[in-house]
């Protein structure tokens, strides 16, 4: 399962992610996508650091690190520094990142 909330923040994103982890059925494999918002980096960088720590604790979780991939080339996004709909080359890169992450998480046994 891929979880990508985009740059939409909640009041407690880490608690929301923990609920997803805790409630995932046995055998589940998760891919969390790091969000990117070029205008709101402080909040999302903290959250992304948290997301990137999850595979160390849960061997059935993989992180597709979109934020680290797109940040050095944010000029490829629209002016809002978030969206890329309609930009086929960026969409292909995003989908390739997801495919790589799915291939990686498929090697795990899933949630015990």
PDB file of N, CA and C in Angstrom:
ATOM      1  N   UNK A   1       0.840  -1.157   0.000  1.00  0.00           N
ATOM      2  CA  UNK A   1       0.000   0.000   0.000  1.00  0.00           C
ATOM      3  C   UNK A   1       0.896   1.234   0.000  1.00  0.00           C
ATOM      4  N   UNK A   2       0.564   2.203  -0.834  1.00  0.00           N
ATOM      5  CA  UNK A   2       1.304   3.458  -0.889  1.00  0.00           C
ATOM      6  C   UNK A   2       0.496   4.536  -0.175  1.00  0.00           C
ATOM      7  N   UNK A   3       1.149   5.247   0.723  1.00  0.00           N
ATOM      8  CA  UNK A   3       0.522   6.363   1.430  1.00  0.00           C
ATOM      9  C   UNK A   3       1.255   7.634   1.013  1.00  0.00           C
ATOM     10  N   UNK A   4       0.536   8.497   0.315  1.00  0.00           N
ATOM     11  CA  UNK A   4       1.101   9.773  -0.117  1.00  0.00           C
ATOM     12  C   UNK A   4       0.069  10.856   0.139  1.00  0.00           C
ATOM     13  N   UNK A   5       0.273  11.601   1.202  1.00  0.00           N
ATOM     14  CA  UNK A   5      -0.675  12.646   1.567  1.00  0.00           C
ATOM     15  C   UNK A   5      -0.351  13.968   0.888  1.00  0.00           C
ATOM     16  N   UNK A   6       0.688  13.991   0.082  1.00  0.00           N
ATOM     17  CA  UNK A   6       1.077  15.255  -0.527  1.00  0.00           C
ATOM     18  C   UNK A   6       1.534  16.216   0.542  1.00  0.00           C
ATOM     19  N   UNK A   7       1.362  17.474   0.303  1.00  0.00           N
ATOM     20  CA  UNK A   7       1.821  18.497   1.240  1.00  0.00           C
ATOM     21  C   UNK A   7       0.698  18.968   2.153  1.00  0.00           C
ATOM     22  N   UNK A   8      -0.359  18.181   2.255  1.00  0.00           N
ATOM     23  CA  UNK A   8      -1.481  18.522   3.129  1.00  0.00           C
ATOM     24  C   UNK A   8      -1.126  18.119   4.554  1.00  0.00           C
ATOM     25  N   UNK A   9      -1.009  19.099   5.423  1.00  0.00           N
ATOM     26  CA  UNK A   9      -0.594  18.819   6.799  1.00  0.00           C
ATOM     27  C   UNK A   9      -1.812  18.674   7.700  1.00  0.00           C
ATOM     28  N   UNK A  10      -1.626  17.899   8.765  1.00  0.00           N
ATOM     29  CA  UNK A  10      -2.661  17.748   9.791  1.00  0.00           C
ATOM     30  C   UNK A  10      -2.091  18.278  11.096  1.00  0.00           C
ATOM     31  N   UNK A  11      -2.914  18.283  12.119  1.00  0.00           N
ATOM     32  CA  UNK A  11      -2.448  18.818  13.401  1.00  0.00           C
ATOM     33  C   UNK A  11      -1.394  17.932  14.049  1.00  0.00           C
ATOM     34  N   UNK A  12      -1.398  16.636  13.750  1.00  0.00           N
ATOM     35  CA  UNK A  12      -0.391  15.729  14.305  1.00  0.00           C
ATOM     36  C   UNK A  12      -0.101  14.619  13.295  1.00  0.00           C
ATOM     37  N   UNK A  13       0.720  14.930  12.341  1.00  0.00           N
ATOM     38  CA  UNK A  13       0.994  14.006  11.239  1.00  0.00           C
ATOM     39  C   UNK A  13       1.670  12.723  11.707  1.00  0.00           C
ATOM     40  N   UNK A  14       2.570  12.824  12.671  1.00  0.00           N
ATOM     41  CA  UNK A  14       3.244  11.614  13.134  1.00  0.00           C
ATOM     42  C   UNK A  14       2.262  10.675  13.833  1.00  0.00           C
ATOM     43  N   UNK A  15       1.334  11.221  14.596  1.00  0.00           N
ATOM     44  CA  UNK A  15       0.310  10.387  15.239  1.00  0.00           C
ATOM     45  C   UNK A  15      -0.588   9.747  14.186  1.00  0.00           C
ATOM     46  N   UNK A  16      -0.901  10.486  13.129  1.00  0.00           N
ATOM     47  CA  UNK A  16      -1.729   9.939  12.051  1.00  0.00           C
ATOM     48  C   UNK A  16      -1.022   8.767  11.373  1.00  0.00           C
ATOM     49  N   UNK A  17       0.263   8.909  11.128  1.00  0.00           N
ATOM     50  CA  UNK A  17       1.034   7.827  10.513  1.00  0.00           C
ATOM     51  C   UNK A  17       1.091   6.629  11.455  1.00  0.00           C
ATOM     52  N   UNK A  18       1.282   6.884  12.732  1.00  0.00           N
ATOM     53  CA  UNK A  18       1.349   5.780  13.696  1.00  0.00           C
ATOM     54  C   UNK A  18       0.032   5.014  13.734  1.00  0.00           C
ATOM     55  N   UNK A  19      -1.087   5.700  13.595  1.00  0.00           N
ATOM     56  CA  UNK A  19      -2.391   5.022  13.552  1.00  0.00           C
ATOM     57  C   UNK A  19      -2.466   4.097  12.344  1.00  0.00           C
ATOM     58  N   UNK A  20      -1.963   4.567  11.206  1.00  0.00           N
ATOM     59  CA  UNK A  20      -1.952   3.733  10.001  1.00  0.00           C
ATOM     60  C   UNK A  20      -1.106   2.487  10.249  1.00  0.00           C
ATOM     61  N   UNK A  21       0.064   2.676  10.835  1.00  0.00           N
ATOM     62  CA  UNK A  21       0.964   1.556  11.114  1.00  0.00           C
ATOM     63  C   UNK A  21       0.307   0.572  12.086  1.00  0.00           C
ATOM     64  N   UNK A  22      -0.229   1.092  13.167  1.00  0.00           N
ATOM     65  CA  UNK A  22      -0.824   0.234  14.195  1.00  0.00           C
ATOM     66  C   UNK A  22      -2.032  -0.537  13.670  1.00  0.00           C
ATOM     67  N   UNK A  23      -2.817   0.083  12.808  1.00  0.00           N
ATOM     68  CA  UNK A  23      -4.051  -0.533  12.325  1.00  0.00           C
ATOM     69  C   UNK A  23      -3.885  -1.353  11.051  1.00  0.00           C
ATOM     70  N   UNK A  24      -2.687  -1.349  10.492  1.00  0.00           N
ATOM     71  CA  UNK A  24      -2.451  -2.139   9.281  1.00  0.00           C
ATOM     72  C   UNK A  24      -2.582  -3.615   9.623  1.00  0.00           C
ATOM     73  N   UNK A  25      -3.310  -4.361   8.807  1.00  0.00           N
ATOM     74  CA  UNK A  25      -3.465  -5.795   9.083  1.00  0.00           C
ATOM     75  C   UNK A  25      -2.162  -6.571   8.909  1.00  0.00           C
ATOM     76  N   UNK A  26      -2.102  -7.715   9.530  1.00  0.00           N
ATOM     77  CA  UNK A  26      -0.950  -8.602   9.411  1.00  0.00           C
ATOM     78  C   UNK A  26      -0.682  -8.867   7.921  1.00  0.00           C
ATOM     79  N   UNK A  27       0.587  -8.867   7.563  1.00  0.00           N
ATOM     80  CA  UNK A  27       0.982  -9.107   6.172  1.00  0.00           C
ATOM     81  C   UNK A  27       1.079  -7.847   5.320  1.00  0.00           C
ATOM     82  N   UNK A  28       0.641  -6.718   5.856  1.00  0.00           N
ATOM     83  CA  UNK A  28       0.675  -5.459   5.110  1.00  0.00           C
ATOM     84  C   UNK A  28       2.109  -5.014   4.871  1.00  0.00           C
ATOM     85  N   UNK A  29       2.323  -4.412   3.719  1.00  0.00           N
ATOM     86  CA  UNK A  29       3.583  -3.733   3.393  1.00  0.00           C
ATOM     87  C   UNK A  29       3.221  -2.300   3.041  1.00  0.00           C
ATOM     88  N   UNK A  30       3.942  -1.347   3.603  1.00  0.00           N
ATOM     89  CA  UNK A  30       3.622   0.058   3.380  1.00  0.00           C
ATOM     90  C   UNK A  30       4.776   0.801   2.723  1.00  0.00           C
ATOM     91  N   UNK A  31       4.413   1.728   1.847  1.00  0.00           N
ATOM     92  CA  UNK A  31       5.351   2.687   1.284  1.00  0.00           C
ATOM     93  C   UNK A  31       4.807   4.065   1.628  1.00  0.00           C
ATOM     94  N   UNK A  32       5.579   4.836   2.372  1.00  0.00           N
ATOM     95  CA  UNK A  32       5.226   6.225   2.656  1.00  0.00           C
ATOM     96  C   UNK A  32       6.039   7.120   1.732  1.00  0.00           C
ATOM     97  N   UNK A  33       5.376   8.093   1.118  1.00  0.00           N
ATOM     98  CA  UNK A  33       6.039   9.031   0.217  1.00  0.00           C
ATOM     99  C   UNK A  33       6.295  10.326   0.979  1.00  0.00           C
ATOM    100  N   UNK A  34       7.547  10.780   0.976  1.00  0.00           N
ATOM    101  CA  UNK A  34       7.855  12.046   1.640  1.00  0.00           C
ATOM    102  C   UNK A  34       7.249  13.198   0.839  1.00  0.00           C
ATOM    103  N   UNK A  35       6.483  14.059   1.506  1.00  0.00           N
ATOM    104  CA  UNK A  35       5.884  15.196   0.806  1.00  0.00           C
ATOM    105  C   UNK A  35       6.903  16.304   0.562  1.00  0.00           C
ATOM    106  N   UNK A  36       6.615  17.112  -0.448  1.00  0.00           N
ATOM    107  CA  UNK A  36       7.478  18.256  -0.738  1.00  0.00           C
ATOM    108  C   UNK A  36       6.633  19.490  -0.994  1.00  0.00           C
ATOM    109  N   UNK A  37       6.977  20.561  -0.317  1.00  0.00           N
ATOM    110  CA  UNK A  37       6.369  21.872  -0.524  1.00  0.00           C
ATOM    111  C   UNK A  37       7.496  22.885  -0.391  1.00  0.00           C
ATOM    112  N   UNK A  38       7.934  23.414  -1.510  1.00  0.00           N
ATOM    113  CA  UNK A  38       9.050  24.347  -1.524  1.00  0.00           C
ATOM    114  C   UNK A  38       8.822  25.615  -0.729  1.00  0.00           C
ATOM    115  N   UNK A  39       7.580  25.868  -0.327  1.00  0.00           N
ATOM    116  CA  UNK A  39       7.274  27.074   0.447  1.00  0.00           C
ATOM    117  C   UNK A  39       6.995  26.773   1.919  1.00  0.00           C
ATOM    118  N   UNK A  40       7.015  25.503   2.303  1.00  0.00           N
ATOM    119  CA  UNK A  40       6.709  25.104   3.682  1.00  0.00           C
ATOM    120  C   UNK A  40       7.667  24.006   4.120  1.00  0.00           C
ATOM    121  N   UNK A  41       8.941  24.236   3.924  1.00  0.00           N
ATOM    122  CA  UNK A  41       9.932  23.186   4.156  1.00  0.00           C
ATOM    123  C   UNK A  41      10.143  22.840   5.624  1.00  0.00           C
ATOM    124  N   UNK A  42      10.033  23.783   6.518  1.00  0.00           N
ATOM    125  CA  UNK A  42      10.358  23.536   7.923  1.00  0.00           C
ATOM    126  C   UNK A  42       9.481  22.432   8.508  1.00  0.00           C
ATOM    127  N   UNK A  43       8.174  22.563   8.378  1.00  0.00           N
ATOM    128  CA  UNK A  43       7.264  21.564   8.933  1.00  0.00           C
ATOM    129  C   UNK A  43       7.460  20.228   8.240  1.00  0.00           C
ATOM    130  N   UNK A  44       7.550  20.230   6.930  1.00  0.00           N
ATOM    131  CA  UNK A  44       7.658  18.982   6.196  1.00  0.00           C
ATOM    132  C   UNK A  44       9.014  18.319   6.365  1.00  0.00           C
ATOM    133  N   UNK A  45      10.070  19.086   6.535  1.00  0.00           N
ATOM    134  CA  UNK A  45      11.384  18.469   6.759  1.00  0.00           C
ATOM    135  C   UNK A  45      11.403  17.669   8.051  1.00  0.00           C
ATOM    136  N   UNK A  46      10.791  18.196   9.096  1.00  0.00           N
ATOM    137  CA  UNK A  46      10.693  17.456  10.365  1.00  0.00           C
ATOM    138  C   UNK A  46       9.908  16.170  10.166  1.00  0.00           C
ATOM    139  N   UNK A  47       8.784  16.279   9.484  1.00  0.00           N
ATOM    140  CA  UNK A  47       7.944  15.115   9.233  1.00  0.00           C
ATOM    141  C   UNK A  47       8.673  14.094   8.356  1.00  0.00           C
ATOM    142  N   UNK A  48       9.377  14.566   7.350  1.00  0.00           N
ATOM    143  CA  UNK A  48      10.104  13.658   6.462  1.00  0.00           C
ATOM    144  C   UNK A  48      11.222  12.925   7.198  1.00  0.00           C
ATOM    145  N   UNK A  49      11.865  13.599   8.129  1.00  0.00           N
ATOM    146  CA  UNK A  49      12.884  12.939   8.949  1.00  0.00           C
ATOM    147  C   UNK A  49      12.248  11.804   9.737  1.00  0.00           C
ATOM    148  N   UNK A  50      11.079  12.056  10.284  1.00  0.00           N
ATOM    149  CA  UNK A  50      10.336  11.009  11.001  1.00  0.00           C
ATOM    150  C   UNK A  50      10.010   9.845  10.051  1.00  0.00           C
ATOM    151  N   UNK A  51       9.452  10.162   8.870  1.00  0.00           N
ATOM    152  CA  UNK A  51       9.114   9.095   7.925  1.00  0.00           C
ATOM    153  C   UNK A  51      10.336   8.262   7.575  1.00  0.00           C
ATOM    154  N   UNK A  52      11.457   8.912   7.330  1.00  0.00           N
ATOM    155  CA  UNK A  52      12.672   8.195   6.928  1.00  0.00           C
ATOM    156  C   UNK A  52      13.234   7.319   8.043  1.00  0.00           C
ATOM    157  N   UNK A  53      12.789   7.546   9.281  1.00  0.00           N
ATOM    158  CA  UNK A  53      13.240   6.704  10.398  1.00  0.00           C
ATOM    159  C   UNK A  53      12.422   5.415  10.507  1.00  0.00           C
ATOM    160  N   UNK A  54      11.271   5.365   9.896  1.00  0.00           N
ATOM    161  CA  UNK A  54      10.369   4.221  10.067  1.00  0.00           C
ATOM    162  C   UNK A  54      10.942   2.886   9.591  1.00  0.00           C
ATOM    163  N   UNK A  55      11.628   2.815   8.449  1.00  0.00           N
ATOM    164  CA  UNK A  55      12.152   1.509   8.021  1.00  0.00           C
ATOM    165  C   UNK A  55      13.156   0.887   8.992  1.00  0.00           C
ATOM    166  N   UNK A  56      13.772   1.700   9.836  1.00  0.00           N
ATOM    167  CA  UNK A  56      14.682   1.153  10.846  1.00  0.00           C
ATOM    168  C   UNK A  56      13.917   0.383  11.920  1.00  0.00           C
ATOM    169  N   UNK A  57      12.693   0.785  12.165  1.00  0.00           N
ATOM    170  CA  UNK A  57      11.868   0.174  13.204  1.00  0.00           C
ATOM    171  C   UNK A  57      10.933  -0.897  12.643  1.00  0.00           C
ATOM    172  N   UNK A  58      10.467  -0.684  11.423  1.00  0.00           N
ATOM    173  CA  UNK A  58       9.507  -1.593  10.795  1.00  0.00           C
ATOM    174  C   UNK A  58      10.089  -2.080   9.474  1.00  0.00           C
ATOM    175  N   UNK A  59      10.453  -3.326   9.411  1.00  0.00           N
ATOM    176  CA  UNK A  59      11.105  -3.874   8.211  1.00  0.00           C
ATOM    177  C   UNK A  59      10.136  -4.030   7.047  1.00  0.00           C
ATOM    178  N   UNK A  60       8.865  -3.812   7.261  1.00  0.00           N
ATOM    179  CA  UNK A  60       7.831  -3.935   6.235  1.00  0.00           C
ATOM    180  C   UNK A  60       7.366  -2.561   5.726  1.00  0.00           C
ATOM    181  N   UNK A  61       8.152  -1.547   6.048  1.00  0.00           N
ATOM    182  CA  UNK A  61       7.879  -0.182   5.582  1.00  0.00           C
ATOM    183  C   UNK A  61       9.072   0.310   4.776  1.00  0.00           C
ATOM    184  N   UNK A  62       8.770   0.957   3.653  1.00  0.00           N
ATOM    185  CA  UNK A  62       9.779   1.587   2.802  1.00  0.00           C
ATOM    186  C   UNK A  62       9.349   3.034   2.597  1.00  0.00           C
ATOM    187  N   UNK A  63      10.309   3.924   2.448  1.00  0.00           N
ATOM    188  CA  UNK A  63      10.023   5.326   2.184  1.00  0.00           C
ATOM    189  C   UNK A  63      10.455   5.668   0.768  1.00  0.00           C
ATOM    190  N   UNK A  64       9.517   6.199   0.003  1.00  0.00           N
ATOM    191  CA  UNK A  64       9.816   6.740  -1.320  1.00  0.00           C
ATOM    192  C   UNK A  64      10.136   8.214  -1.085  1.00  0.00           C
ATOM    193  N   UNK A  65      11.394   8.566  -1.156  1.00  0.00           N
ATOM    194  CA  UNK A  65      11.839   9.902  -0.742  1.00  0.00           C
ATOM    195  C   UNK A  65      11.721  10.920  -1.882  1.00  0.00           C
ATOM    196  N   UNK A  66      10.478  11.266  -2.178  1.00  0.00           N
ATOM    197  CA  UNK A  66      10.179  12.253  -3.217  1.00  0.00           C
ATOM    198  C   UNK A  66      10.789  13.609  -2.873  1.00  0.00           C
ATOM    199  N   UNK A  67      10.709  14.016  -1.615  1.00  0.00           N
ATOM    200  CA  UNK A  67      11.203  15.334  -1.208  1.00  0.00           C
ATOM    201  C   UNK A  67      12.692  15.494  -1.525  1.00  0.00           C
ATOM    202  N   UNK A  68      13.489  14.500  -1.160  1.00  0.00           N
ATOM    203  CA  UNK A  68      14.933  14.587  -1.437  1.00  0.00           C
ATOM    204  C   UNK A  68      15.224  14.552  -2.929  1.00  0.00           C
ATOM    205  N   UNK A  69      14.408  13.805  -3.672  1.00  0.00           N
ATOM    206  CA  UNK A  69      14.616  13.709  -5.114  1.00  0.00           C
ATOM    207  C   UNK A  69      14.297  15.036  -5.808  1.00  0.00           C
ATOM    208  N   UNK A  70      13.148  15.636  -5.476  1.00  0.00           N
ATOM    209  CA  UNK A  70      12.680  16.790  -6.247  1.00  0.00           C
ATOM    210  C   UNK A  70      13.238  18.127  -5.745  1.00  0.00           C
ATOM    211  N   UNK A  71      13.657  18.209  -4.500  1.00  0.00           N
ATOM    212  CA  UNK A  71      14.118  19.498  -3.958  1.00  0.00           C
ATOM    213  C   UNK A  71      15.216  20.152  -4.801  1.00  0.00           C
ATOM    214  N   UNK A  72      16.260  19.441  -5.200  1.00  0.00           N
ATOM    215  CA  UNK A  72      17.304  20.124  -5.976  1.00  0.00           C
ATOM    216  C   UNK A  72      16.863  20.522  -7.390  1.00  0.00           C
ATOM    217  N   UNK A  73      15.689  20.066  -7.788  1.00  0.00           N
ATOM    218  CA  UNK A  73      15.189  20.402  -9.112  1.00  0.00           C
ATOM    219  C   UNK A  73      13.749  20.909  -9.043  1.00  0.00           C
ATOM    220  N   UNK A  74      13.445  21.645  -7.982  1.00  0.00           N
ATOM    221  CA  UNK A  74      12.078  22.126  -7.772  1.00  0.00           C
ATOM    222  C   UNK A  74      11.588  23.029  -8.900  1.00  0.00           C
ATOM    223  N   UNK A  75      12.500  23.530  -9.702  1.00  0.00           N
ATOM    224  CA  UNK A  75      12.099  24.360 -10.845  1.00  0.00           C
ATOM    225  C   UNK A  75      11.296  23.544 -11.865  1.00  0.00           C
ATOM    226  N   UNK A  76      11.301  22.225 -11.754  1.00  0.00           N
ATOM    227  CA  UNK A  76      10.510  21.366 -12.635  1.00  0.00           C
ATOM    228  C   UNK A  76       9.045  21.317 -12.202  1.00  0.00           C
ATOM    229  N   UNK A  77       8.747  21.786 -10.981  1.00  0.00           N
ATOM    230  CA  UNK A  77       7.380  21.839 -10.474  1.00  0.00           C
ATOM    231  C   UNK A  77       6.710  23.126 -10.963  1.00  0.00           C
ATOM    232  N   UNK A  78       5.409  23.207 -10.749  1.00  0.00           N
ATOM    233  CA  UNK A  78       4.712  24.455 -11.059  1.00  0.00           C
ATOM    234  C   UNK A  78       5.153  25.543 -10.082  1.00  0.00           C
ATOM    235  N   UNK A  79       4.738  26.757 -10.293  1.00  0.00           N
ATOM    236  CA  UNK A  79       5.177  27.911  -9.496  1.00  0.00           C
ATOM    237  C   UNK A  79       4.865  27.762  -8.008  1.00  0.00           C
ATOM    238  N   UNK A  80       3.867  26.934  -7.653  1.00  0.00           N
ATOM    239  CA  UNK A  80       3.545  26.747  -6.237  1.00  0.00           C
ATOM    240  C   UNK A  80       4.571  25.881  -5.516  1.00  0.00           C
ATOM    241  N   UNK A  81       5.517  25.302  -6.266  1.00  0.00           N
ATOM    242  CA  UNK A  81       6.593  24.456  -5.737  1.00  0.00           C
ATOM    243  C   UNK A  81       6.081  23.201  -5.031  1.00  0.00           C
ATOM    244  N   UNK A  82       4.906  22.714  -5.490  1.00  0.00           N
ATOM    245  CA  UNK A  82       4.322  21.494  -4.952  1.00  0.00           C
ATOM    246  C   UNK A  82       3.908  20.565  -6.093  1.00  0.00           C
ATOM    247  N   UNK A  83       3.079  21.097  -6.970  1.00  0.00           N
ATOM    248  CA  UNK A  83       2.380  20.275  -7.954  1.00  0.00           C
ATOM    249  C   UNK A  83       3.168  20.077  -9.253  1.00  0.00           C
ATOM    250  N   UNK A  84       2.854  18.967  -9.930  1.00  0.00           N
ATOM    251  CA  UNK A  84       3.480  18.679 -11.216  1.00  0.00           C
ATOM    252  C   UNK A  84       2.495  18.103 -12.222  1.00  0.00           C
ATOM    253  N   UNK A  85       1.202  18.127 -11.911  1.00  0.00           N
ATOM    254  CA  UNK A  85       0.194  17.594 -12.837  1.00  0.00           C
ATOM    255  C   UNK A  85       0.354  18.266 -14.198  1.00  0.00           C
ATOM    256  N   UNK A  86       0.355  17.443 -15.240  1.00  0.00           N
ATOM    257  CA  UNK A  86       0.525  17.961 -16.593  1.00  0.00           C
ATOM    258  C   UNK A  86       1.972  18.026 -17.039  1.00  0.00           C
ATOM    259  N   UNK A  87       2.895  17.770 -16.144  1.00  0.00           N
ATOM    260  CA  UNK A  87       4.318  17.748 -16.484  1.00  0.00           C
ATOM    261  C   UNK A  87       4.734  16.282 -16.569  1.00  0.00           C
ATOM    262  N   UNK A  88       4.618  15.731 -17.763  1.00  0.00           N
ATOM    263  CA  UNK A  88       4.785  14.296 -17.950  1.00  0.00           C
ATOM    264  C   UNK A  88       6.152  13.788 -17.505  1.00  0.00           C
ATOM    265  N   UNK A  89       7.213  14.545 -17.756  1.00  0.00           N
ATOM    266  CA  UNK A  89       8.545  14.078 -17.366  1.00  0.00           C
ATOM    267  C   UNK A  89       8.674  13.949 -15.846  1.00  0.00           C
ATOM    268  N   UNK A  90       8.071  14.868 -15.105  1.00  0.00           N
ATOM    269  CA  UNK A  90       8.120  14.803 -13.645  1.00  0.00           C
ATOM    270  C   UNK A  90       7.235  13.658 -13.143  1.00  0.00           C
ATOM    271  N   UNK A  91       6.082  13.498 -13.751  1.00  0.00           N
ATOM    272  CA  UNK A  91       5.185  12.409 -13.372  1.00  0.00           C
ATOM    273  C   UNK A  91       5.858  11.055 -13.579  1.00  0.00           C
ATOM    274  N   UNK A  92       6.599  10.913 -14.662  1.00  0.00           N
ATOM    275  CA  UNK A  92       7.320   9.656 -14.919  1.00  0.00           C
ATOM    276  C   UNK A  92       8.361   9.411 -13.840  1.00  0.00           C
ATOM    277  N   UNK A  93       9.083  10.452 -13.441  1.00  0.00           N
ATOM    278  CA  UNK A  93      10.070  10.301 -12.362  1.00  0.00           C
ATOM    279  C   UNK A  93       9.389   9.879 -11.058  1.00  0.00           C
ATOM    280  N   UNK A  94       8.256  10.484 -10.770  1.00  0.00           N
ATOM    281  CA  UNK A  94       7.504  10.153  -9.555  1.00  0.00           C
ATOM    282  C   UNK A  94       7.062   8.696  -9.586  1.00  0.00           C
ATOM    283  N   UNK A  95       6.504   8.274 -10.704  1.00  0.00           N
ATOM    284  CA  UNK A  95       6.045   6.886 -10.824  1.00  0.00           C
ATOM    285  C   UNK A  95       7.206   5.898 -10.761  1.00  0.00           C
ATOM    286  N   UNK A  96       8.332   6.253 -11.330  1.00  0.00           N
ATOM    287  CA  UNK A  96       9.509   5.378 -11.236  1.00  0.00           C
ATOM    288  C   UNK A  96       9.960   5.225  -9.788  1.00  0.00           C
ATOM    289  N   UNK A  97       9.929   6.312  -9.034  1.00  0.00           N
ATOM    290  CA  UNK A  97      10.286   6.254  -7.614  1.00  0.00           C
ATOM    291  C   UNK A  97       9.325   5.333  -6.864  1.00  0.00           C
ATOM    292  N   UNK A  98       8.044   5.445  -7.161  1.00  0.00           N
ATOM    293  CA  UNK A  98       7.061   4.575  -6.514  1.00  0.00           C
ATOM    294  C   UNK A  98       7.289   3.116  -6.896  1.00  0.00           C
ATOM    295  N   UNK A  99       7.559   2.863  -8.166  1.00  0.00           N
ATOM    296  CA  UNK A  99       7.798   1.486  -8.621  1.00  0.00           C
ATOM    297  C   UNK A  99       9.021   0.885  -7.921  1.00  0.00           C
ATOM    298  N   UNK A 100      10.093   1.660  -7.796  1.00  0.00           N
ATOM    299  CA  UNK A 100      11.289   1.177  -7.103  1.00  0.00           C
ATOM    300  C   UNK A 100      10.964   0.847  -5.649  1.00  0.00           C
ATOM    301  N   UNK A 101      10.176   1.696  -5.010  1.00  0.00           N
ATOM    302  CA  UNK A 101       9.820   1.483  -3.606  1.00  0.00           C
ATOM    303  C   UNK A 101       8.927   0.267  -3.443  1.00  0.00           C
ATOM    304  N   UNK A 102       7.991   0.072  -4.366  1.00  0.00           N
ATOM    305  CA  UNK A 102       7.137  -1.121  -4.306  1.00  0.00           C
ATOM    306  C   UNK A 102       7.958  -2.390  -4.501  1.00  0.00           C
ATOM    307  N   UNK A 103       8.895  -2.355  -5.418  1.00  0.00           N
ATOM    308  CA  UNK A 103       9.772  -3.516  -5.621  1.00  0.00           C
ATOM    309  C   UNK A 103      10.577  -3.819  -4.367  1.00  0.00           C
ATOM    310  N   UNK A 104      11.027  -2.764  -3.691  1.00  0.00           N
ATOM    311  CA  UNK A 104      11.813  -2.956  -2.466  1.00  0.00           C
ATOM    312  C   UNK A 104      10.959  -3.526  -1.340  1.00  0.00           C
ATOM    313  N   UNK A 105       9.780  -2.958  -1.121  1.00  0.00           N
ATOM    314  CA  UNK A 105       8.940  -3.422  -0.010  1.00  0.00           C
ATOM    315  C   UNK A 105       8.395  -4.821  -0.284  1.00  0.00           C
ATOM    316  N   UNK A 106       8.272  -5.193  -1.538  1.00  0.00           N
ATOM    317  CA  UNK A 106       7.788  -6.534  -1.890  1.00  0.00           C
ATOM    318  C   UNK A 106       8.733  -7.629  -1.387  1.00  0.00           C
ATOM    319  N   UNK A 107       9.969  -7.276  -1.113  1.00  0.00           N
ATOM    320  CA  UNK A 107      10.946  -8.241  -0.608  1.00  0.00           C
ATOM    321  C   UNK A 107      10.742  -8.542   0.881  1.00  0.00           C
ATOM    322  N   UNK A 108       9.953  -7.700   1.562  1.00  0.00           N
ATOM    323  CA  UNK A 108       9.734  -7.921   2.983  1.00  0.00           C
ATOM    324  C   UNK A 108       8.626  -8.958   3.191  1.00  0.00           C
ATOM    325  N   UNK A 109       8.555  -9.506   4.391  1.00  0.00           N
ATOM    326  CA  UNK A 109       7.542 -10.504   4.724  1.00  0.00           C
ATOM    327  C   UNK A 109       6.205  -9.872   5.080  1.00  0.00           C
ATOM    328  N   UNK A 110       6.177  -8.561   5.222  1.00  0.00           N
ATOM    329  CA  UNK A 110       4.942  -7.891   5.651  1.00  0.00           C
ATOM    330  C   UNK A 110       4.877  -7.771   7.166  1.00  0.00           C
ATOM    331  N   UNK A 111       3.858  -7.061   7.599  1.00  0.00           N
ATOM    332  CA  UNK A 111       3.691  -6.825   9.033  1.00  0.00           C
ATOM    333  C   UNK A 111       3.489  -8.148   9.755  1.00  0.00           C
ATOM    334  N   UNK A 112       4.270  -8.362  10.810  1.00  0.00           N
ATOM    335  CA  UNK A 112       4.116  -9.627  11.570  1.00  0.00           C
ATOM    336  C   UNK A 112       2.768  -9.691  12.306  1.00  0.00           C
TER     337      UNK A 112
END
